[in-house]
Amino acid sequence: MHLFKSDREKFENELNKALSERNKGNLESAVKYFLNAYEIALGTKDPEISKRADEMLFYALFYDALVKKTAESFSKASQQCKKLDPSWQLDIGLASKPTASELCRDLEIASMIVSLPEFSIDVARRMDESLASKYEEIGSKLLAEGSRRLIIEDYLKINDPLSTIGLRFLGYSRIVRALKIEADNPANAMELYGEAAAYLQQAPAEIKKFVDSRMGKLSKTTRCWVCHREIQGEEINYIYLPASINKYIIEKYGNDSPYIINNGTIAVCRVCYTMIYNLSDALAKKYYEQAMKALQEVEARLNARISILEAKLMSLSIQAGRRYYMRD
């Protein structure tokens, strides 16, 4: 009977706990037990256990990265993976054990992918050139990886070839840049959207639909009904405003410029629109202030009359009281 466990027994006990928790999906608990095994391996004099210290620390960092899913956590796991023998086969819960060199590259790629924000058009409108450049840089690197898939794709829920993801990121970079210049330079924005469309063959449907719609709107050129200047970019540099349009107006002016009249609306450039909007806003504010002033004057007069009536009622009440006491 052993009163004290050997370092090897302690190590194997912690390692078995770690693997058991890993297999149950309790990754945070697994990280704790892998770290315990690492501490034992780090302090032991048993060479067979000692040489596994870096391996245990890698497993702890690897599963910690799967929990946190941050660029920093994947980068730490990758750096630790580089300390291992490149040919070392690692047990990460998959049917086949990848080598340290294979997994190291996947972790570097995972770090790059999760460093980018989840893409949507609303988010893209707030992005700047630095993010567009980052999408392009990472997209180019993933494209160079070819059609292979991540070894840990199921862990990350990234189930596309790396080249497909790379093309998607290149397309996203074009969308971000196009959004920034479409009002000032619609012709160049159209070129960028065209490039994005070519890259986004396997992108989500709503992204492709947005790009196609934007290209269609930017391709339209008309004349402003108010100032008659030529303007490019529907809903970007000109919008449609409702107006009273009869058959005479359509026949006489409908062919002056393409798209100038559209289903009971007229094309108005953003300059004229903002002028009209600001003027109507100023008039509305003026009339509101006048109405409020009139209401305040009415309120003041009503309050004055109420005060007079209250004073008369008080006077009548006092007089009535005096008559009552005099009668007694």
Protein backbone atom coordinates (compact mmCIF):
# COMPACT_ATOMS: atom_id res chain seq x y z
CA MET A 1 0.00 0.00 0.00
CA HIS A 2 1.44 3.37 -1.08
CA LEU A 3 0.96 6.20 1.38
CA PHE A 4 2.12 8.76 -1.18
CA LYS A 5 1.52 8.84 -4.92
CA SER A 6 4.47 9.14 -7.24
CA ASP A 7 4.74 12.07 -9.63
CA ARG A 8 3.88 9.71 -12.47
CA GLU A 9 0.69 8.59 -10.73
CA LYS A 10 -0.27 12.19 -9.95
CA PHE A 11 0.45 13.21 -13.53
CA GLU A 12 -1.58 10.39 -15.06
CA ASN A 13 -4.43 11.08 -12.65
CA GLU A 14 -4.64 14.74 -13.67
CA LEU A 15 -4.22 13.88 -17.35
CA ASN A 16 -7.03 11.30 -17.20
CA LYS A 17 -9.29 13.85 -15.51
CA ALA A 18 -8.45 16.38 -18.20
CA LEU A 19 -9.23 13.95 -21.02
CA SER A 20 -12.45 12.84 -19.32
CA GLU A 21 -13.66 16.45 -18.96
CA ARG A 22 -12.60 17.17 -22.56
CA ASN A 23 -14.61 14.21 -23.83
CA LYS A 24 -17.66 15.42 -21.89
CA GLY A 25 -17.34 18.85 -23.50
CA ASN A 26 -16.35 20.53 -20.23
CA LEU A 27 -13.43 22.40 -21.74
CA GLU A 28 -12.93 24.88 -18.92
CA SER A 29 -12.53 22.02 -16.42
CA ALA A 30 -10.22 20.24 -18.86
CA VAL A 31 -8.00 23.33 -18.99
CA LYS A 32 -7.66 23.27 -15.20
CA TYR A 33 -6.58 19.61 -15.12
CA PHE A 34 -4.15 20.04 -18.03
CA LEU A 35 -2.55 22.91 -16.12
CA ASN A 36 -2.29 20.66 -13.03
CA ALA A 37 -0.56 18.01 -15.15
CA TYR A 38 1.75 20.71 -16.53
CA GLU A 39 2.74 21.84 -13.02
CA ILE A 40 3.54 18.26 -12.02
CA ALA A 41 5.59 17.68 -15.19
CA LEU A 42 7.40 20.96 -14.66
CA GLY A 43 8.49 20.09 -11.11
CA THR A 44 9.21 16.37 -11.40
CA LYS A 45 12.55 14.63 -11.69
CA ASP A 46 10.98 11.82 -13.72
CA PRO A 47 12.31 12.40 -17.27
CA GLU A 48 9.38 10.62 -18.94
CA ILE A 49 6.95 12.99 -17.25
CA SER A 50 9.17 16.07 -17.45
CA LYS A 51 9.42 15.92 -21.25
CA ARG A 52 5.64 16.23 -21.52
CA ALA A 53 5.42 19.59 -19.76
CA ASP A 54 5.25 21.61 -22.98
CA GLU A 55 2.63 19.21 -24.36
CA MET A 56 0.38 19.67 -21.31
CA LEU A 57 0.71 23.44 -21.46
CA PHE A 58 -0.19 23.32 -25.14
CA TYR A 59 -3.37 21.34 -24.44
CA ALA A 60 -4.34 23.83 -21.73
CA LEU A 61 -3.82 26.78 -24.07
CA PHE A 62 -5.50 25.00 -26.97
CA TYR A 63 -8.73 24.29 -25.11
CA ASP A 64 -8.63 27.69 -23.48
CA ALA A 65 -8.56 29.17 -27.00
CA LEU A 66 -11.56 27.05 -28.00
CA VAL A 67 -13.43 28.46 -25.00
CA LYS A 68 -12.46 32.11 -25.49
CA LYS A 69 -12.23 32.15 -29.32
CA THR A 70 -10.08 35.29 -29.35
CA ALA A 71 -7.15 36.14 -31.60
CA GLU A 72 -4.85 36.40 -28.57
CA SER A 73 -5.81 32.99 -27.15
CA PHE A 74 -5.29 31.21 -30.50
CA SER A 75 -1.99 33.02 -30.96
CA LYS A 76 -0.79 31.83 -27.52
CA ALA A 77 -1.75 28.26 -28.38
CA SER A 78 0.09 28.53 -31.69
CA GLN A 79 3.25 29.87 -30.06
CA GLN A 80 3.23 27.02 -27.55
CA CYS A 81 2.61 24.52 -30.34
CA LYS A 82 5.83 25.69 -32.04
CA LYS A 83 7.79 24.49 -28.99
CA LEU A 84 6.73 20.90 -29.63
CA ASP A 85 8.39 18.39 -31.96
CA PRO A 86 6.82 19.20 -35.39
CA SER A 87 6.11 15.50 -36.00
CA TRP A 88 4.48 14.98 -32.60
CA GLN A 89 0.95 13.68 -33.01
CA LEU A 90 -1.51 15.50 -30.76
CA ASP A 91 -4.68 14.07 -29.26
CA ILE A 92 -7.26 16.85 -29.61
CA GLY A 93 -10.31 14.61 -29.72
CA LEU A 94 -10.40 14.03 -33.48
CA ALA A 95 -10.49 10.69 -35.31
CA SER A 96 -6.98 11.28 -36.67
CA LYS A 97 -4.24 12.93 -34.69
CA PRO A 98 -2.70 15.96 -36.43
CA THR A 99 1.00 16.70 -36.08
CA ALA A 100 2.18 19.72 -34.13
CA SER A 101 3.30 21.46 -37.33
CA GLU A 102 -0.10 20.96 -38.98
CA LEU A 103 -2.02 22.20 -35.95
CA CYS A 104 0.31 25.13 -35.43
CA ARG A 105 -0.55 26.57 -38.85
CA ASP A 106 -4.27 26.04 -38.26
CA LEU A 107 -4.07 27.94 -34.98
CA GLU A 108 -2.29 30.83 -36.70
CA ILE A 109 -5.07 30.95 -39.30
CA ALA A 110 -7.76 30.72 -36.61
CA SER A 111 -6.15 33.67 -34.84
CA MET A 112 -6.33 35.70 -38.06
CA ILE A 113 -9.94 34.79 -38.80
CA VAL A 114 -11.32 35.57 -35.33
CA SER A 115 -9.40 38.87 -35.26
CA LEU A 116 -11.88 40.18 -37.85
CA PRO A 117 -15.33 41.40 -36.81
CA GLU A 118 -18.33 39.39 -37.97
CA PHE A 119 -19.30 40.96 -41.27
CA SER A 120 -22.64 42.57 -42.04
CA ILE A 121 -23.57 45.59 -44.16
CA ASP A 122 -24.58 47.63 -41.09
CA VAL A 123 -21.22 46.89 -39.46
CA ALA A 124 -19.36 47.57 -42.73
CA ARG A 125 -20.80 51.09 -42.88
CA ARG A 126 -18.92 51.88 -39.66
CA MET A 127 -15.62 50.29 -40.73
CA ASP A 128 -12.62 52.30 -41.84
CA GLU A 129 -9.77 51.74 -44.29
CA SER A 130 -7.66 49.91 -41.69
CA LEU A 131 -10.25 47.15 -41.45
CA ALA A 132 -10.63 47.00 -45.23
CA SER A 133 -6.86 46.50 -45.47
CA LYS A 134 -6.97 43.81 -42.77
CA TYR A 135 -9.71 41.90 -44.61
CA GLU A 136 -7.63 42.10 -47.79
CA GLU A 137 -4.40 41.01 -46.09
CA ILE A 138 -5.96 38.01 -44.33
CA GLY A 139 -8.03 37.14 -47.39
CA SER A 140 -4.87 36.97 -49.53
CA LYS A 141 -3.17 34.70 -46.98
CA LEU A 142 -6.14 32.33 -46.84
CA LEU A 143 -6.36 32.26 -50.63
CA ALA A 144 -2.72 31.13 -50.72
CA GLU A 145 -3.63 28.15 -48.50
CA GLY A 146 -5.64 26.69 -51.38
CA SER A 147 -8.76 24.58 -51.05
CA ARG A 148 -7.73 22.75 -47.89
CA ARG A 149 -9.92 22.98 -44.82
CA LEU A 150 -9.03 23.67 -41.21
CA ILE A 151 -8.27 20.59 -39.12
CA ILE A 152 -10.25 22.18 -36.30
CA GLU A 153 -13.10 23.42 -38.52
CA ASP A 154 -15.78 21.66 -36.47
CA TYR A 155 -14.52 23.26 -33.27
CA LEU A 156 -14.68 26.69 -34.91
CA LYS A 157 -17.82 26.04 -36.99
CA ILE A 158 -15.92 27.17 -40.09
CA ASN A 159 -16.86 24.58 -42.68
CA ASP A 160 -15.54 26.09 -45.91
CA PRO A 161 -12.27 25.67 -47.82
CA LEU A 162 -9.74 28.33 -46.83
CA SER A 163 -9.62 29.68 -50.39
CA THR A 164 -13.39 30.28 -50.28
CA ILE A 165 -13.08 32.18 -47.00
CA GLY A 166 -10.17 34.14 -48.48
CA LEU A 167 -12.21 35.17 -51.52
CA ARG A 168 -15.05 36.21 -49.23
CA PHE A 169 -12.73 38.43 -47.17
CA LEU A 170 -11.34 40.03 -50.33
CA GLY A 171 -14.92 40.80 -51.37
CA TYR A 172 -15.69 42.29 -47.97
CA SER A 173 -12.68 44.59 -48.25
CA ARG A 174 -14.07 45.95 -51.54
CA ILE A 175 -17.50 46.54 -50.01
CA VAL A 176 -16.03 48.55 -47.13
CA ARG A 177 -14.03 50.72 -49.53
CA ALA A 178 -16.97 51.18 -51.90
CA LEU A 179 -19.27 52.27 -49.08
CA LYS A 180 -16.80 55.00 -48.13
CA ILE A 181 -16.57 56.55 -51.59
CA GLU A 182 -19.89 55.82 -53.33
CA ALA A 183 -21.28 59.32 -52.75
CA ASP A 184 -18.08 61.16 -53.71
CA ASN A 185 -16.89 58.85 -56.48
CA PRO A 186 -19.72 56.64 -57.76
CA ALA A 187 -17.76 55.43 -60.82
CA ASN A 188 -14.92 54.02 -58.68
CA ALA A 189 -17.40 52.62 -56.19
CA MET A 190 -19.06 50.71 -59.04
CA GLU A 191 -15.70 49.18 -59.94
CA LEU A 192 -15.16 48.09 -56.35
CA TYR A 193 -18.62 46.57 -56.12
CA GLY A 194 -17.91 44.76 -59.41
CA GLU A 195 -14.73 43.27 -57.91
CA ALA A 196 -16.66 42.36 -54.76
CA ALA A 197 -19.31 40.54 -56.83
CA ALA A 198 -16.60 38.45 -58.50
CA TYR A 199 -15.11 37.47 -55.12
CA LEU A 200 -18.43 36.79 -53.40
CA GLN A 201 -19.74 33.91 -55.52
CA GLN A 202 -20.16 31.80 -52.37
CA ALA A 203 -21.00 34.55 -49.91
CA PRO A 204 -24.29 34.78 -47.97
CA ALA A 205 -27.25 35.63 -50.21
CA GLU A 206 -28.03 38.93 -48.45
CA ILE A 207 -24.48 40.20 -49.06
CA LYS A 208 -24.61 39.33 -52.77
CA LYS A 209 -28.06 40.90 -53.04
CA PHE A 210 -26.77 44.12 -51.48
CA VAL A 211 -23.82 44.32 -53.88
CA ASP A 212 -26.03 43.72 -56.92
CA SER A 213 -28.54 46.31 -55.70
CA ARG A 214 -25.81 48.89 -55.07
CA MET A 215 -24.30 48.38 -58.51
CA GLY A 216 -27.74 48.83 -60.06
CA LYS A 217 -28.41 52.06 -58.18
CA LEU A 218 -24.96 53.51 -58.85
CA SER A 219 -25.32 52.80 -62.56
CA LYS A 220 -28.35 55.08 -62.81
CA THR A 221 -27.83 58.69 -63.91
CA THR A 222 -30.60 61.27 -64.17
CA ARG A 223 -31.25 65.01 -63.83
CA CYS A 224 -32.52 66.73 -60.72
CA TRP A 225 -36.07 68.01 -61.22
CA VAL A 226 -35.25 71.14 -59.22
CA CYS A 227 -31.81 72.27 -60.43
CA HIS A 228 -31.61 70.18 -63.67
CA ARG A 229 -28.02 69.10 -62.98
CA GLU A 230 -26.97 65.61 -64.03
CA ILE A 231 -26.50 63.33 -61.02
CA GLN A 232 -25.38 59.71 -60.59
CA GLY A 233 -26.40 57.23 -57.92
CA GLU A 234 -30.00 56.48 -56.93
CA GLU A 235 -30.57 56.73 -53.13
CA ILE A 236 -26.96 57.90 -52.87
CA ASN A 237 -26.69 61.21 -54.72
CA TYR A 238 -30.35 61.57 -55.60
CA ILE A 239 -33.62 60.36 -54.12
CA TYR A 240 -37.25 60.31 -55.18
CA LEU A 241 -39.84 62.60 -53.59
CA PRO A 242 -43.62 62.24 -54.00
CA ALA A 243 -45.23 64.84 -56.24
CA SER A 244 -48.50 65.52 -58.07
CA ILE A 245 -47.75 64.16 -61.52
CA ASN A 246 -50.40 63.92 -64.24
CA LYS A 247 -50.36 62.60 -67.78
CA TYR A 248 -49.38 66.01 -69.18
CA ILE A 249 -46.26 66.20 -66.96
CA ILE A 250 -45.23 62.68 -67.88
CA GLU A 251 -45.64 63.22 -71.63
CA LYS A 252 -43.94 66.62 -71.66
CA TYR A 253 -41.05 66.01 -69.22
CA GLY A 254 -40.84 62.26 -68.68
CA ASN A 255 -38.28 61.85 -71.48
CA ASP A 256 -36.07 64.77 -70.44
CA SER A 257 -33.78 62.34 -68.65
CA PRO A 258 -33.92 58.63 -67.73
CA TYR A 259 -35.35 57.92 -64.26
CA ILE A 260 -36.40 61.56 -63.65
CA ILE A 261 -40.01 60.43 -62.99
CA ASN A 262 -40.69 57.17 -61.21
CA ASN A 263 -44.13 55.96 -60.09
CA GLY A 264 -45.52 59.28 -58.96
CA THR A 265 -42.20 60.59 -57.65
CA ILE A 266 -39.54 62.92 -59.02
CA ALA A 267 -35.75 62.69 -58.81
CA VAL A 268 -34.16 65.31 -56.55
CA CYS A 269 -30.40 65.59 -55.97
CA ARG A 270 -29.05 65.46 -52.44
CA VAL A 271 -28.17 69.20 -52.54
CA CYS A 272 -31.70 70.27 -53.42
CA TYR A 273 -33.21 67.70 -51.10
CA THR A 274 -31.19 68.87 -48.11
CA MET A 275 -32.02 72.48 -48.98
CA ILE A 276 -35.75 71.64 -49.09
CA TYR A 277 -35.50 69.53 -45.95
CA ASN A 278 -33.62 72.20 -43.99
CA LEU A 279 -36.01 74.90 -45.16
CA SER A 280 -39.08 72.87 -44.24
CA ASP A 281 -37.48 72.00 -40.92
CA ALA A 282 -36.79 75.68 -40.21
CA LEU A 283 -40.38 76.62 -41.17
CA ALA A 284 -41.78 73.83 -39.02
CA LYS A 285 -39.67 75.02 -36.11
CA LYS A 286 -40.78 78.63 -36.68
CA TYR A 287 -44.49 77.68 -36.77
CA TYR A 288 -44.06 75.45 -33.75
CA GLU A 289 -42.48 78.28 -31.78
CA GLN A 290 -45.26 80.64 -32.87
CA ALA A 291 -47.91 78.12 -31.86
CA MET A 292 -46.25 77.56 -28.49
CA LYS A 293 -46.00 81.30 -27.90
CA ALA A 294 -49.71 81.71 -28.70
CA LEU A 295 -50.58 78.84 -26.37
CA GLN A 296 -48.50 80.40 -23.60
CA GLU A 297 -50.29 83.72 -24.10
CA VAL A 298 -53.69 82.00 -23.94
CA GLU A 299 -52.57 80.11 -20.85
CA ALA A 300 -51.42 83.34 -19.21
CA ARG A 301 -54.76 85.03 -19.94
CA LEU A 302 -56.69 82.04 -18.61
CA ASN A 303 -54.58 81.97 -15.46
CA ALA A 304 -55.18 85.70 -14.96
CA ARG A 305 -58.95 85.22 -15.32
CA ILE A 306 -58.87 82.25 -12.96
CA SER A 307 -57.00 84.36 -10.41
CA ILE A 308 -59.61 87.13 -10.70
CA LEU A 309 -62.46 84.63 -10.27
CA GLU A 310 -60.76 83.04 -7.28
CA ALA A 311 -60.35 86.49 -5.70
CA LYS A 312 -64.04 87.30 -6.28
CA LEU A 313 -65.08 83.97 -4.81
CA MET A 314 -62.91 84.59 -1.79
CA SER A 315 -64.42 88.07 -1.36
CA LEU A 316 -67.95 86.71 -1.64
CA SER A 317 -67.15 83.99 0.86
CA ILE A 318 -65.85 86.56 3.37
CA GLN A 319 -68.90 88.78 2.89
CA ALA A 320 -71.24 85.84 3.40
CA GLY A 321 -69.44 84.93 6.58
CA ARG A 322 -69.77 88.41 7.97
CA ARG A 323 -73.51 88.51 7.26
CA TYR A 324 -73.95 85.20 9.05
CA TYR A 325 -72.23 86.38 12.22
CA MET A 326 -74.04 89.73 12.17
CA ARG A 327 -77.39 87.90 11.96
CA ASP A 328 -76.50 85.84 15.02
